[in-house]
Amino acid sequence: MNFLVGSYEAKTKLPELLRGVQSGKLYTITLRGEAVADLVPAQGHKRSGAATAAENMRALMRSRQPVAGVDLKALIDEGVPERLVSKAFATRCANYPTP
């Protein structure tokens, strides 16, 4: 959604408007009722921090070799109390092939 903001208000509330832009809001700044500028995210900063972190994690996972000889089911059983593991998840892990 695009919000209209007068030039005086934009000047006095710039930090607030910038936080709004960071959260995805778009502003049109007006001068005497006429649109003169748009306040939008910079081209290089379109992705959120979470999206960037997820992409970095995927790149790390692709760059690493899988660990051989690890029993995933045993690791899960060791670290998580059984009452917290759903039966469906436990079944999937039990059927997961180990290298």
PDB file of N, CA and C in Angstrom:
ATOM      1  N   MET A   1       0.845  -1.173   0.000  1.00  0.00           N
ATOM      2  CA  MET A   1       0.000   0.000   0.000  1.00  0.00           C
ATOM      3  C   MET A   1       0.890   1.235   0.000  1.00  0.00           C
ATOM      4  N   ASN A   2       0.487   2.245  -0.741  1.00  0.00           N
ATOM      5  CA  ASN A   2       1.252   3.476  -0.873  1.00  0.00           C
ATOM      6  C   ASN A   2       0.593   4.567  -0.027  1.00  0.00           C
ATOM      7  N   PHE A   3       1.368   5.177   0.854  1.00  0.00           N
ATOM      8  CA  PHE A   3       0.858   6.214   1.744  1.00  0.00           C
ATOM      9  C   PHE A   3       1.300   7.585   1.245  1.00  0.00           C
ATOM     10  N   LEU A   4       0.402   8.568   1.278  1.00  0.00           N
ATOM     11  CA  LEU A   4       0.738   9.942   0.917  1.00  0.00           C
ATOM     12  C   LEU A   4       1.220  10.681   2.164  1.00  0.00           C
ATOM     13  N   VAL A   5       2.341  11.396   2.026  1.00  0.00           N
ATOM     14  CA  VAL A   5       2.927  12.130   3.134  1.00  0.00           C
ATOM     15  C   VAL A   5       3.337  13.503   2.619  1.00  0.00           C
ATOM     16  N   GLY A   6       2.933  14.544   3.328  1.00  0.00           N
ATOM     17  CA  GLY A   6       3.344  15.890   2.961  1.00  0.00           C
ATOM     18  C   GLY A   6       4.834  16.092   3.199  1.00  0.00           C
ATOM     19  N   SER A   7       5.430  17.067   2.481  1.00  0.00           N
ATOM     20  CA  SER A   7       6.872  17.274   2.589  1.00  0.00           C
ATOM     21  C   SER A   7       7.291  17.671   4.003  1.00  0.00           C
ATOM     22  N   TYR A   8       6.511  18.486   4.688  1.00  0.00           N
ATOM     23  CA  TYR A   8       6.862  18.888   6.050  1.00  0.00           C
ATOM     24  C   TYR A   8       6.833  17.674   6.984  1.00  0.00           C
ATOM     25  N   GLU A   9       5.788  16.876   6.863  1.00  0.00           N
ATOM     26  CA  GLU A   9       5.686  15.675   7.702  1.00  0.00           C
ATOM     27  C   GLU A   9       6.832  14.702   7.399  1.00  0.00           C
ATOM     28  N   ALA A  10       7.182  14.563   6.115  1.00  0.00           N
ATOM     29  CA  ALA A  10       8.290  13.679   5.737  1.00  0.00           C
ATOM     30  C   ALA A  10       9.594  14.151   6.373  1.00  0.00           C
ATOM     31  N   LYS A  11       9.790  15.480   6.398  1.00  0.00           N
ATOM     32  CA  LYS A  11      11.012  16.032   6.984  1.00  0.00           C
ATOM     33  C   LYS A  11      11.064  15.768   8.487  1.00  0.00           C
ATOM     34  N   THR A  12       9.951  15.972   9.161  1.00  0.00           N
ATOM     35  CA  THR A  12       9.952  15.844  10.614  1.00  0.00           C
ATOM     36  C   THR A  12       9.888  14.388  11.088  1.00  0.00           C
ATOM     37  N   LYS A  13       9.381  13.498  10.254  1.00  0.00           N
ATOM     38  CA  LYS A  13       9.227  12.095  10.663  1.00  0.00           C
ATOM     39  C   LYS A  13      10.064  11.148   9.806  1.00  0.00           C
ATOM     40  N   LEU A  14      11.171  11.621   9.249  1.00  0.00           N
ATOM     41  CA  LEU A  14      11.976  10.792   8.358  1.00  0.00           C
ATOM     42  C   LEU A  14      12.414   9.469   8.995  1.00  0.00           C
ATOM     43  N   PRO A  15      12.933   9.446  10.230  1.00  0.00           N
ATOM     44  CA  PRO A  15      13.335   8.147  10.805  1.00  0.00           C
ATOM     45  C   PRO A  15      12.167   7.155  10.880  1.00  0.00           C
ATOM     46  N   GLU A  16      11.008   7.642  11.235  1.00  0.00           N
ATOM     47  CA  GLU A  16       9.821   6.776  11.302  1.00  0.00           C
ATOM     48  C   GLU A  16       9.453   6.249   9.919  1.00  0.00           C
ATOM     49  N   LEU A  17       9.517   7.120   8.909  1.00  0.00           N
ATOM     50  CA  LEU A  17       9.207   6.697   7.541  1.00  0.00           C
ATOM     51  C   LEU A  17      10.220   5.672   7.045  1.00  0.00           C
ATOM     52  N   LEU A  18      11.483   5.855   7.380  1.00  0.00           N
ATOM     53  CA  LEU A  18      12.507   4.897   6.955  1.00  0.00           C
ATOM     54  C   LEU A  18      12.287   3.526   7.588  1.00  0.00           C
ATOM     55  N   ARG A  19      11.868   3.504   8.847  1.00  0.00           N
ATOM     56  CA  ARG A  19      11.539   2.215   9.477  1.00  0.00           C
ATOM     57  C   ARG A  19      10.349   1.573   8.766  1.00  0.00           C
ATOM     58  N   GLY A  20       9.389   2.411   8.346  1.00  0.00           N
ATOM     59  CA  GLY A  20       8.257   1.886   7.590  1.00  0.00           C
ATOM     60  C   GLY A  20       8.691   1.279   6.274  1.00  0.00           C
ATOM     61  N   VAL A  21       9.620   1.933   5.589  1.00  0.00           N
ATOM     62  CA  VAL A  21      10.138   1.405   4.320  1.00  0.00           C
ATOM     63  C   VAL A  21      10.836   0.073   4.562  1.00  0.00           C
ATOM     64  N   GLN A  22      11.599  -0.021   5.646  1.00  0.00           N
ATOM     65  CA  GLN A  22      12.265  -1.285   5.972  1.00  0.00           C
ATOM     66  C   GLN A  22      11.266  -2.412   6.191  1.00  0.00           C
ATOM     67  N   SER A  23      10.091  -2.076   6.698  1.00  0.00           N
ATOM     68  CA  SER A  23       9.076  -3.110   6.939  1.00  0.00           C
ATOM     69  C   SER A  23       8.175  -3.343   5.737  1.00  0.00           C
ATOM     70  N   GLY A  24       8.465  -2.663   4.612  1.00  0.00           N
ATOM     71  CA  GLY A  24       7.728  -2.943   3.380  1.00  0.00           C
ATOM     72  C   GLY A  24       6.735  -1.882   2.945  1.00  0.00           C
ATOM     73  N   LYS A  25       6.593  -0.814   3.680  1.00  0.00           N
ATOM     74  CA  LYS A  25       5.655   0.233   3.295  1.00  0.00           C
ATOM     75  C   LYS A  25       6.274   1.132   2.228  1.00  0.00           C
ATOM     76  N   LEU A  26       5.421   1.727   1.408  1.00  0.00           N
ATOM     77  CA  LEU A  26       5.842   2.657   0.363  1.00  0.00           C
ATOM     78  C   LEU A  26       5.178   3.999   0.626  1.00  0.00           C
ATOM     79  N   TYR A  27       5.918   5.071   0.415  1.00  0.00           N
ATOM     80  CA  TYR A  27       5.395   6.413   0.669  1.00  0.00           C
ATOM     81  C   TYR A  27       5.571   7.279  -0.579  1.00  0.00           C
ATOM     82  N   THR A  28       4.586   8.129  -0.840  1.00  0.00           N
ATOM     83  CA  THR A  28       4.700   9.159  -1.851  1.00  0.00           C
ATOM     84  C   THR A  28       4.712  10.490  -1.125  1.00  0.00           C
ATOM     85  N   ILE A  29       5.754  11.270  -1.362  1.00  0.00           N
ATOM     86  CA  ILE A  29       5.890  12.577  -0.705  1.00  0.00           C
ATOM     87  C   ILE A  29       5.277  13.632  -1.617  1.00  0.00           C
ATOM     88  N   THR A  30       4.423  14.466  -1.030  1.00  0.00           N
ATOM     89  CA  THR A  30       3.736  15.498  -1.808  1.00  0.00           C
ATOM     90  C   THR A  30       4.220  16.889  -1.396  1.00  0.00           C
ATOM     91  N   LEU A  31       4.126  17.813  -2.344  1.00  0.00           N
ATOM     92  CA  LEU A  31       4.432  19.223  -2.098  1.00  0.00           C
ATOM     93  C   LEU A  31       3.236  20.010  -2.594  1.00  0.00           C
ATOM     94  N   ARG A  32       2.539  20.635  -1.648  1.00  0.00           N
ATOM     95  CA  ARG A  32       1.305  21.363  -1.949  1.00  0.00           C
ATOM     96  C   ARG A  32       0.283  20.488  -2.683  1.00  0.00           C
ATOM     97  N   GLY A  33       0.195  19.226  -2.224  1.00  0.00           N
ATOM     98  CA  GLY A  33      -0.805  18.309  -2.764  1.00  0.00           C
ATOM     99  C   GLY A  33      -0.396  17.574  -4.021  1.00  0.00           C
ATOM    100  N   GLU A  34       0.771  17.887  -4.586  1.00  0.00           N
ATOM    101  CA  GLU A  34       1.224  17.242  -5.820  1.00  0.00           C
ATOM    102  C   GLU A  34       2.351  16.256  -5.492  1.00  0.00           C
ATOM    103  N   ALA A  35       2.241  15.037  -5.996  1.00  0.00           N
ATOM    104  CA  ALA A  35       3.261  14.019  -5.749  1.00  0.00           C
ATOM    105  C   ALA A  35       4.579  14.448  -6.388  1.00  0.00           C
ATOM    106  N   VAL A  36       5.660  14.419  -5.583  1.00  0.00           N
ATOM    107  CA  VAL A  36       6.959  14.820  -6.108  1.00  0.00           C
ATOM    108  C   VAL A  36       8.034  13.753  -5.945  1.00  0.00           C
ATOM    109  N   ALA A  37       7.843  12.804  -5.030  1.00  0.00           N
ATOM    110  CA  ALA A  37       8.864  11.777  -4.816  1.00  0.00           C
ATOM    111  C   ALA A  37       8.239  10.536  -4.193  1.00  0.00           C
ATOM    112  N   ASP A  38       8.883   9.409  -4.436  1.00  0.00           N
ATOM    113  CA  ASP A  38       8.484   8.148  -3.814  1.00  0.00           C
ATOM    114  C   ASP A  38       9.599   7.700  -2.881  1.00  0.00           C
ATOM    115  N   LEU A  39       9.213   7.257  -1.718  1.00  0.00           N
ATOM    116  CA  LEU A  39      10.161   6.715  -0.748  1.00  0.00           C
ATOM    117  C   LEU A  39       9.964   5.207  -0.757  1.00  0.00           C
ATOM    118  N   VAL A  40      10.913   4.497  -1.371  1.00  0.00           N
ATOM    119  CA  VAL A  40      10.812   3.048  -1.573  1.00  0.00           C
ATOM    120  C   VAL A  40      12.139   2.402  -1.162  1.00  0.00           C
ATOM    121  N   PRO A  41      12.168   1.085  -0.950  1.00  0.00           N
ATOM    122  CA  PRO A  41      13.426   0.425  -0.594  1.00  0.00           C
ATOM    123  C   PRO A  41      14.467   0.582  -1.703  1.00  0.00           C
ATOM    124  N   ALA A  42      15.734   0.668  -1.318  1.00  0.00           N
ATOM    125  CA  ALA A  42      16.824   0.735  -2.283  1.00  0.00           C
ATOM    126  C   ALA A  42      16.891  -0.573  -3.062  1.00  0.00           C
ATOM    127  N   GLN A  43      17.395  -0.531  -4.272  1.00  0.00           N
ATOM    128  CA  GLN A  43      17.453  -1.715  -5.136  1.00  0.00           C
ATOM    129  C   GLN A  43      18.239  -2.862  -4.517  1.00  0.00           C
ATOM    130  N   GLY A  44      19.340  -2.567  -3.860  1.00  0.00           N
ATOM    131  CA  GLY A  44      20.191  -3.619  -3.307  1.00  0.00           C
ATOM    132  C   GLY A  44      19.670  -4.231  -2.022  1.00  0.00           C
ATOM    133  N   HIS A  45      18.616  -3.695  -1.435  1.00  0.00           N
ATOM    134  CA  HIS A  45      18.142  -4.167  -0.137  1.00  0.00           C
ATOM    135  C   HIS A  45      16.721  -4.699  -0.192  1.00  0.00           C
ATOM    136  N   LYS A  46      16.346  -5.355  -1.272  1.00  0.00           N
ATOM    137  CA  LYS A  46      14.974  -5.857  -1.408  1.00  0.00           C
ATOM    138  C   LYS A  46      14.709  -7.075  -0.540  1.00  0.00           C
ATOM    139  N   ARG A  47      15.712  -7.870  -0.283  1.00  0.00           N
ATOM    140  CA  ARG A  47      15.507  -9.100   0.483  1.00  0.00           C
ATOM    141  C   ARG A  47      15.571  -8.819   1.972  1.00  0.00           C
ATOM    142  N   SER A  48      14.722  -9.475   2.700  1.00  0.00           N
ATOM    143  CA  SER A  48      14.737  -9.303   4.152  1.00  0.00           C
ATOM    144  C   SER A  48      15.921 -10.049   4.750  1.00  0.00           C
ATOM    145  N   GLY A  49      16.235  -9.748   5.976  1.00  0.00           N
ATOM    146  CA  GLY A  49      17.330 -10.430   6.658  1.00  0.00           C
ATOM    147  C   GLY A  49      17.086 -11.927   6.756  1.00  0.00           C
ATOM    148  N   ALA A  50      15.846 -12.330   6.976  1.00  0.00           N
ATOM    149  CA  ALA A  50      15.521 -13.754   7.091  1.00  0.00           C
ATOM    150  C   ALA A  50      15.737 -14.464   5.756  1.00  0.00           C
ATOM    151  N   ALA A  51      15.345 -13.820   4.657  1.00  0.00           N
ATOM    152  CA  ALA A  51      15.525 -14.429   3.337  1.00  0.00           C
ATOM    153  C   ALA A  51      17.006 -14.582   3.010  1.00  0.00           C
ATOM    154  N   THR A  52      17.786 -13.575   3.357  1.00  0.00           N
ATOM    155  CA  THR A  52      19.226 -13.639   3.124  1.00  0.00           C
ATOM    156  C   THR A  52      19.853 -14.735   3.969  1.00  0.00           C
ATOM    157  N   ALA A  53      19.465 -14.836   5.226  1.00  0.00           N
ATOM    158  CA  ALA A  53      19.999 -15.867   6.116  1.00  0.00           C
ATOM    159  C   ALA A  53      19.642 -17.263   5.599  1.00  0.00           C
ATOM    160  N   ALA A  54      18.424 -17.442   5.116  1.00  0.00           N
ATOM    161  CA  ALA A  54      18.003 -18.747   4.584  1.00  0.00           C
ATOM    162  C   ALA A  54      18.818 -19.120   3.350  1.00  0.00           C
ATOM    163  N   GLU A  55      19.049 -18.156   2.462  1.00  0.00           N
ATOM    164  CA  GLU A  55      19.845 -18.422   1.268  1.00  0.00           C
ATOM    165  C   GLU A  55      21.289 -18.747   1.650  1.00  0.00           C
ATOM    166  N   ASN A  56      21.842 -18.045   2.619  1.00  0.00           N
ATOM    167  CA  ASN A  56      23.202 -18.346   3.085  1.00  0.00           C
ATOM    168  C   ASN A  56      23.285 -19.754   3.663  1.00  0.00           C
ATOM    169  N   MET A  57      22.255 -20.163   4.406  1.00  0.00           N
ATOM    170  CA  MET A  57      22.234 -21.511   4.984  1.00  0.00           C
ATOM    171  C   MET A  57      22.153 -22.565   3.876  1.00  0.00           C
ATOM    172  N   ARG A  58      21.328 -22.321   2.851  1.00  0.00           N
ATOM    173  CA  ARG A  58      21.240 -23.275   1.730  1.00  0.00           C
ATOM    174  C   ARG A  58      22.584 -23.393   1.014  1.00  0.00           C
ATOM    175  N   ALA A  59      23.266 -22.261   0.802  1.00  0.00           N
ATOM    176  CA  ALA A  59      24.569 -22.285   0.142  1.00  0.00           C
ATOM    177  C   ALA A  59      25.577 -23.074   0.973  1.00  0.00           C
ATOM    178  N   LEU A  60      25.553 -22.888   2.286  1.00  0.00           N
ATOM    179  CA  LEU A  60      26.449 -23.642   3.160  1.00  0.00           C
ATOM    180  C   LEU A  60      26.157 -25.134   3.079  1.00  0.00           C
ATOM    181  N   MET A  61      24.878 -25.499   3.097  1.00  0.00           N
ATOM    182  CA  MET A  61      24.509 -26.913   3.040  1.00  0.00           C
ATOM    183  C   MET A  61      24.934 -27.542   1.712  1.00  0.00           C
ATOM    184  N   ARG A  62      24.818 -26.787   0.609  1.00  0.00           N
ATOM    185  CA  ARG A  62      25.234 -27.314  -0.695  1.00  0.00           C
ATOM    186  C   ARG A  62      26.753 -27.470  -0.779  1.00  0.00           C
ATOM    187  N   SER A  63      27.490 -26.651  -0.070  1.00  0.00           N
ATOM    188  CA  SER A  63      28.954 -26.681  -0.158  1.00  0.00           C
ATOM    189  C   SER A  63      29.580 -27.787   0.693  1.00  0.00           C
ATOM    190  N   ARG A  64      28.838 -28.403   1.577  1.00  0.00           N
ATOM    191  CA  ARG A  64      29.368 -29.425   2.485  1.00  0.00           C
ATOM    192  C   ARG A  64      28.990 -30.830   2.016  1.00  0.00           C
ATOM    193  N   GLN A  65      29.857 -31.773   2.297  1.00  0.00           N
ATOM    194  CA  GLN A  65      29.573 -33.170   2.013  1.00  0.00           C
ATOM    195  C   GLN A  65      28.769 -33.762   3.172  1.00  0.00           C
ATOM    196  N   PRO A  66      27.830 -34.668   2.886  1.00  0.00           N
ATOM    197  CA  PRO A  66      27.082 -35.293   3.976  1.00  0.00           C
ATOM    198  C   PRO A  66      28.017 -36.121   4.861  1.00  0.00           C
ATOM    199  N   VAL A  67      27.683 -36.209   6.125  1.00  0.00           N
ATOM    200  CA  VAL A  67      28.485 -36.966   7.077  1.00  0.00           C
ATOM    201  C   VAL A  67      28.084 -38.434   6.973  1.00  0.00           C
ATOM    202  N   ALA A  68      29.048 -39.270   6.698  1.00  0.00           N
ATOM    203  CA  ALA A  68      28.784 -40.705   6.538  1.00  0.00           C
ATOM    204  C   ALA A  68      28.751 -41.389   7.904  1.00  0.00           C
ATOM    205  N   GLY A  69      27.945 -42.421   8.012  1.00  0.00           N
ATOM    206  CA  GLY A  69      27.906 -43.235   9.213  1.00  0.00           C
ATOM    207  C   GLY A  69      27.178 -42.624  10.393  1.00  0.00           C
ATOM    208  N   VAL A  70      26.329 -41.635  10.160  1.00  0.00           N
ATOM    209  CA  VAL A  70      25.587 -41.008  11.244  1.00  0.00           C
ATOM    210  C   VAL A  70      24.181 -41.591  11.276  1.00  0.00           C
ATOM    211  N   ASP A  71      23.791 -42.061  12.441  1.00  0.00           N
ATOM    212  CA  ASP A  71      22.448 -42.608  12.623  1.00  0.00           C
ATOM    213  C   ASP A  71      21.536 -41.478  13.093  1.00  0.00           C
ATOM    214  N   LEU A  72      20.787 -40.890  12.160  1.00  0.00           N
ATOM    215  CA  LEU A  72      19.934 -39.747  12.456  1.00  0.00           C
ATOM    216  C   LEU A  72      18.909 -40.078  13.538  1.00  0.00           C
ATOM    217  N   LYS A  73      18.318 -41.236  13.465  1.00  0.00           N
ATOM    218  CA  LYS A  73      17.319 -41.644  14.452  1.00  0.00           C
ATOM    219  C   LYS A  73      17.926 -41.685  15.852  1.00  0.00           C
ATOM    220  N   ALA A  74      19.139 -42.213  15.974  1.00  0.00           N
ATOM    221  CA  ALA A  74      19.794 -42.290  17.288  1.00  0.00           C
ATOM    222  C   ALA A  74      20.083 -40.903  17.832  1.00  0.00           C
ATOM    223  N   LEU A  75      20.515 -39.997  16.971  1.00  0.00           N
ATOM    224  CA  LEU A  75      20.776 -38.631  17.421  1.00  0.00           C
ATOM    225  C   LEU A  75      19.506 -37.943  17.902  1.00  0.00           C
ATOM    226  N   ILE A  76      18.423 -38.155  17.190  1.00  0.00           N
ATOM    227  CA  ILE A  76      17.151 -37.548  17.588  1.00  0.00           C
ATOM    228  C   ILE A  76      16.684 -38.131  18.912  1.00  0.00           C
ATOM    229  N   ASP A  77      16.757 -39.460  19.032  1.00  0.00           N
ATOM    230  CA  ASP A  77      16.332 -40.113  20.268  1.00  0.00           C
ATOM    231  C   ASP A  77      17.176 -39.666  21.458  1.00  0.00           C
ATOM    232  N   GLU A  78      18.446 -39.428  21.225  1.00  0.00           N
ATOM    233  CA  GLU A  78      19.345 -39.030  22.297  1.00  0.00           C
ATOM    234  C   GLU A  78      19.060 -37.609  22.785  1.00  0.00           C
ATOM    235  N   GLY A  79      18.685 -36.720  21.872  1.00  0.00           N
ATOM    236  CA  GLY A  79      18.564 -35.321  22.243  1.00  0.00           C
ATOM    237  C   GLY A  79      17.169 -34.817  22.521  1.00  0.00           C
ATOM    238  N   VAL A  80      16.149 -35.576  22.157  1.00  0.00           N
ATOM    239  CA  VAL A  80      14.779 -35.098  22.312  1.00  0.00           C
ATOM    240  C   VAL A  80      13.974 -36.101  23.118  1.00  0.00           C
ATOM    241  N   PRO A  81      13.334 -35.676  24.198  1.00  0.00           N
ATOM    242  CA  PRO A  81      12.482 -36.598  24.955  1.00  0.00           C
ATOM    243  C   PRO A  81      11.380 -37.163  24.056  1.00  0.00           C
ATOM    244  N   GLU A  82      11.087 -38.418  24.219  1.00  0.00           N
ATOM    245  CA  GLU A  82      10.129 -39.104  23.347  1.00  0.00           C
ATOM    246  C   GLU A  82       8.763 -38.431  23.354  1.00  0.00           C
ATOM    247  N   ARG A  83       8.381 -37.875  24.481  1.00  0.00           N
ATOM    248  CA  ARG A  83       7.064 -37.234  24.550  1.00  0.00           C
ATOM    249  C   ARG A  83       6.973 -36.026  23.627  1.00  0.00           C
ATOM    250  N   LEU A  84       8.133 -35.487  23.198  1.00  0.00           N
ATOM    251  CA  LEU A  84       8.123 -34.312  22.320  1.00  0.00           C
ATOM    252  C   LEU A  84       8.226 -34.667  20.840  1.00  0.00           C
ATOM    253  N   VAL A  85       8.514 -35.941  20.537  1.00  0.00           N
ATOM    254  CA  VAL A  85       8.664 -36.355  19.145  1.00  0.00           C
ATOM    255  C   VAL A  85       7.345 -36.960  18.677  1.00  0.00           C
ATOM    256  N   SER A  86       6.804 -36.414  17.594  1.00  0.00           N
ATOM    257  CA  SER A  86       5.553 -36.965  17.079  1.00  0.00           C
ATOM    258  C   SER A  86       5.809 -38.348  16.489  1.00  0.00           C
ATOM    259  N   LYS A  87       4.786 -39.189  16.499  1.00  0.00           N
ATOM    260  CA  LYS A  87       4.930 -40.543  15.968  1.00  0.00           C
ATOM    261  C   LYS A  87       5.234 -40.520  14.478  1.00  0.00           C
ATOM    262  N   ALA A  88       4.605 -39.601  13.743  1.00  0.00           N
ATOM    263  CA  ALA A  88       4.843 -39.515  12.303  1.00  0.00           C
ATOM    264  C   ALA A  88       6.299 -39.147  12.021  1.00  0.00           C
ATOM    265  N   PHE A  89       6.848 -38.190  12.784  1.00  0.00           N
ATOM    266  CA  PHE A  89       8.231 -37.782  12.598  1.00  0.00           C
ATOM    267  C   PHE A  89       9.178 -38.918  12.943  1.00  0.00           C
ATOM    268  N   ALA A  90       8.906 -39.609  14.046  1.00  0.00           N
ATOM    269  CA  ALA A  90       9.755 -40.722  14.468  1.00  0.00           C
ATOM    270  C   ALA A  90       9.741 -41.828  13.422  1.00  0.00           C
ATOM    271  N   THR A  91       8.583 -42.088  12.814  1.00  0.00           N
ATOM    272  CA  THR A  91       8.475 -43.120  11.790  1.00  0.00           C
ATOM    273  C   THR A  91       9.292 -42.745  10.561  1.00  0.00           C
ATOM    274  N   ARG A  92       9.184 -41.469  10.150  1.00  0.00           N
ATOM    275  CA  ARG A  92       9.956 -41.008   8.993  1.00  0.00           C
ATOM    276  C   ARG A  92      11.450 -41.140   9.258  1.00  0.00           C
ATOM    277  N   CYS A  93      11.886 -40.796  10.458  1.00  0.00           N
ATOM    278  CA  CYS A  93      13.309 -40.870  10.795  1.00  0.00           C
ATOM    279  C   CYS A  93      13.782 -42.323  10.843  1.00  0.00           C
ATOM    280  N   ALA A  94      12.934 -43.193  11.345  1.00  0.00           N
ATOM    281  CA  ALA A  94      13.309 -44.600  11.437  1.00  0.00           C
ATOM    282  C   ALA A  94      13.488 -45.202  10.044  1.00  0.00           C
ATOM    283  N   ASN A  95      12.741 -44.693   9.069  1.00  0.00           N
ATOM    284  CA  ASN A  95      12.811 -45.218   7.708  1.00  0.00           C
ATOM    285  C   ASN A  95      13.845 -44.486   6.858  1.00  0.00           C
ATOM    286  N   TYR A  96      14.502 -43.479   7.432  1.00  0.00           N
ATOM    287  CA  TYR A  96      15.486 -42.697   6.693  1.00  0.00           C
ATOM    288  C   TYR A  96      16.745 -43.552   6.491  1.00  0.00           C
ATOM    289  N   PRO A  97      17.163 -43.710   5.237  1.00  0.00           N
ATOM    290  CA  PRO A  97      18.348 -44.563   4.994  1.00  0.00           C
ATOM    291  C   PRO A  97      19.629 -43.891   5.510  1.00  0.00           C
ATOM    292  N   THR A  98      20.445 -44.648   6.193  1.00  0.00           N
ATOM    293  CA  THR A  98      21.726 -44.125   6.650  1.00  0.00           C
ATOM    294  C   THR A  98      22.786 -44.545   5.652  1.00  0.00           C
ATOM    295  N   PRO A  99      23.737 -43.665   5.351  1.00  0.00           N
ATOM    296  CA  PRO A  99      24.779 -43.987   4.358  1.00  0.00           C
ATOM    297  C   PRO A  99      25.736 -45.049   4.847  1.00  0.00           C
TER     298      PRO A  99
END
